[in-house]
Amino acid sequence: MYRSNQVNAAIVILFCILIIHIVRIILHVKVYFVYSMGLGPLFLIGLIIFLIIFLFLKG
């Protein structure tokens, strides 16, 4: 299955952003996961995972 360079670049960039957000969440988690960081980053991580899967399957 051949993908264009733009799709491959988008997958790599989204994957890097996902890793950065996961590390940031791990560093800033306090006692209560949702209360300490809010729901925004959770939605952003979900969106990034969805886009990675979408681009990977669309190929």
C-alpha atoms as a PDB file:
ATOM      1  CA  MET A   1       0.000   0.000   0.000  1.00  0.00           C
ATOM      2  CA  TYR A   2       1.660   3.209  -1.210  1.00  0.00           C
ATOM      3  CA  ARG A   3       1.129   6.500   0.637  1.00  0.00           C
ATOM      4  CA  SER A   4       2.147   9.931  -0.505  1.00  0.00           C
ATOM      5  CA  ASN A   5       4.908  11.757   1.326  1.00  0.00           C
ATOM      6  CA  GLN A   6       2.425  14.292   2.669  1.00  0.00           C
ATOM      7  CA  VAL A   7       0.320  11.607   4.360  1.00  0.00           C
ATOM      8  CA  ASN A   8       3.422   9.988   5.847  1.00  0.00           C
ATOM      9  CA  ALA A   9       4.618  13.361   7.107  1.00  0.00           C
ATOM     10  CA  ALA A  10       1.206  14.093   8.644  1.00  0.00           C
ATOM     11  CA  ILE A  11       1.187  10.725  10.436  1.00  0.00           C
ATOM     12  CA  VAL A  12       4.684  11.311  11.835  1.00  0.00           C
ATOM     13  CA  ILE A  13       3.851  14.849  12.984  1.00  0.00           C
ATOM     14  CA  LEU A  14       0.596  13.748  14.646  1.00  0.00           C
ATOM     15  CA  PHE A  15       2.374  10.857  16.340  1.00  0.00           C
ATOM     16  CA  CYS A  16       5.047  13.228  17.695  1.00  0.00           C
ATOM     17  CA  ILE A  17       2.386  15.627  18.978  1.00  0.00           C
ATOM     18  CA  LEU A  18       0.619  12.701  20.642  1.00  0.00           C
ATOM     19  CA  ILE A  19       3.823  11.625  22.406  1.00  0.00           C
ATOM     20  CA  ILE A  20       4.473  15.201  23.582  1.00  0.00           C
ATOM     21  CA  HIS A  21       0.957  15.499  25.019  1.00  0.00           C
ATOM     22  CA  ILE A  22       1.160  12.133  26.772  1.00  0.00           C
ATOM     23  CA  VAL A  23       4.467  13.100  28.391  1.00  0.00           C
ATOM     24  CA  ARG A  24       3.049  16.472  29.412  1.00  0.00           C
ATOM     25  CA  ILE A  25       0.024  14.817  30.981  1.00  0.00           C
ATOM     26  CA  ILE A  26       2.171  12.309  32.869  1.00  0.00           C
ATOM     27  CA  LEU A  27       4.313  15.137  34.251  1.00  0.00           C
ATOM     28  CA  HIS A  28       1.344  17.268  35.339  1.00  0.00           C
ATOM     29  CA  VAL A  29      -1.047  14.645  36.709  1.00  0.00           C
ATOM     30  CA  LYS A  30      -1.912  15.231  40.329  1.00  0.00           C
ATOM     31  CA  VAL A  31      -4.277  13.254  42.520  1.00  0.00           C
ATOM     32  CA  TYR A  32      -7.322  13.750  40.325  1.00  0.00           C
ATOM     33  CA  PHE A  33      -6.590  13.196  36.632  1.00  0.00           C
ATOM     34  CA  VAL A  34      -9.476  15.183  35.135  1.00  0.00           C
ATOM     35  CA  TYR A  35      -9.559  17.977  37.697  1.00  0.00           C
ATOM     36  CA  SER A  36      -5.860  18.788  37.555  1.00  0.00           C
ATOM     37  CA  MET A  37      -5.554  19.245  33.791  1.00  0.00           C
ATOM     38  CA  GLY A  38      -9.062  19.779  32.414  1.00  0.00           C
ATOM     39  CA  LEU A  39     -10.779  17.976  29.578  1.00  0.00           C
ATOM     40  CA  GLY A  40      -9.153  19.873  26.689  1.00  0.00           C
ATOM     41  CA  PRO A  41      -5.994  17.775  26.423  1.00  0.00           C
ATOM     42  CA  LEU A  42      -8.049  14.574  26.584  1.00  0.00           C
ATOM     43  CA  PHE A  43     -10.149  15.689  23.615  1.00  0.00           C
ATOM     44  CA  LEU A  44      -6.999  16.769  21.775  1.00  0.00           C
ATOM     45  CA  ILE A  45      -5.359  13.376  22.311  1.00  0.00           C
ATOM     46  CA  GLY A  46      -8.525  11.644  21.126  1.00  0.00           C
ATOM     47  CA  LEU A  47      -8.596  13.818  18.023  1.00  0.00           C
ATOM     48  CA  ILE A  48      -4.939  13.121  17.263  1.00  0.00           C
ATOM     49  CA  ILE A  49      -5.430   9.365  17.654  1.00  0.00           C
ATOM     50  CA  PHE A  50      -8.489   9.531  15.400  1.00  0.00           C
ATOM     51  CA  LEU A  51      -6.560  11.473  12.734  1.00  0.00           C
ATOM     52  CA  ILE A  52      -3.639   9.031  12.844  1.00  0.00           C
ATOM     53  CA  ILE A  53      -5.983   6.061  12.394  1.00  0.00           C
ATOM     54  CA  PHE A  54      -7.956   7.866   9.681  1.00  0.00           C
ATOM     55  CA  LEU A  55      -4.859   8.785   7.695  1.00  0.00           C
ATOM     56  CA  PHE A  56      -3.350   5.336   8.170  1.00  0.00           C
ATOM     57  CA  LEU A  57      -6.469   3.535   6.932  1.00  0.00           C
ATOM     58  CA  LYS A  58      -7.159   6.036   4.146  1.00  0.00           C
ATOM     59  CA  GLY A  59      -3.607   5.510   2.928  1.00  0.00           C
END
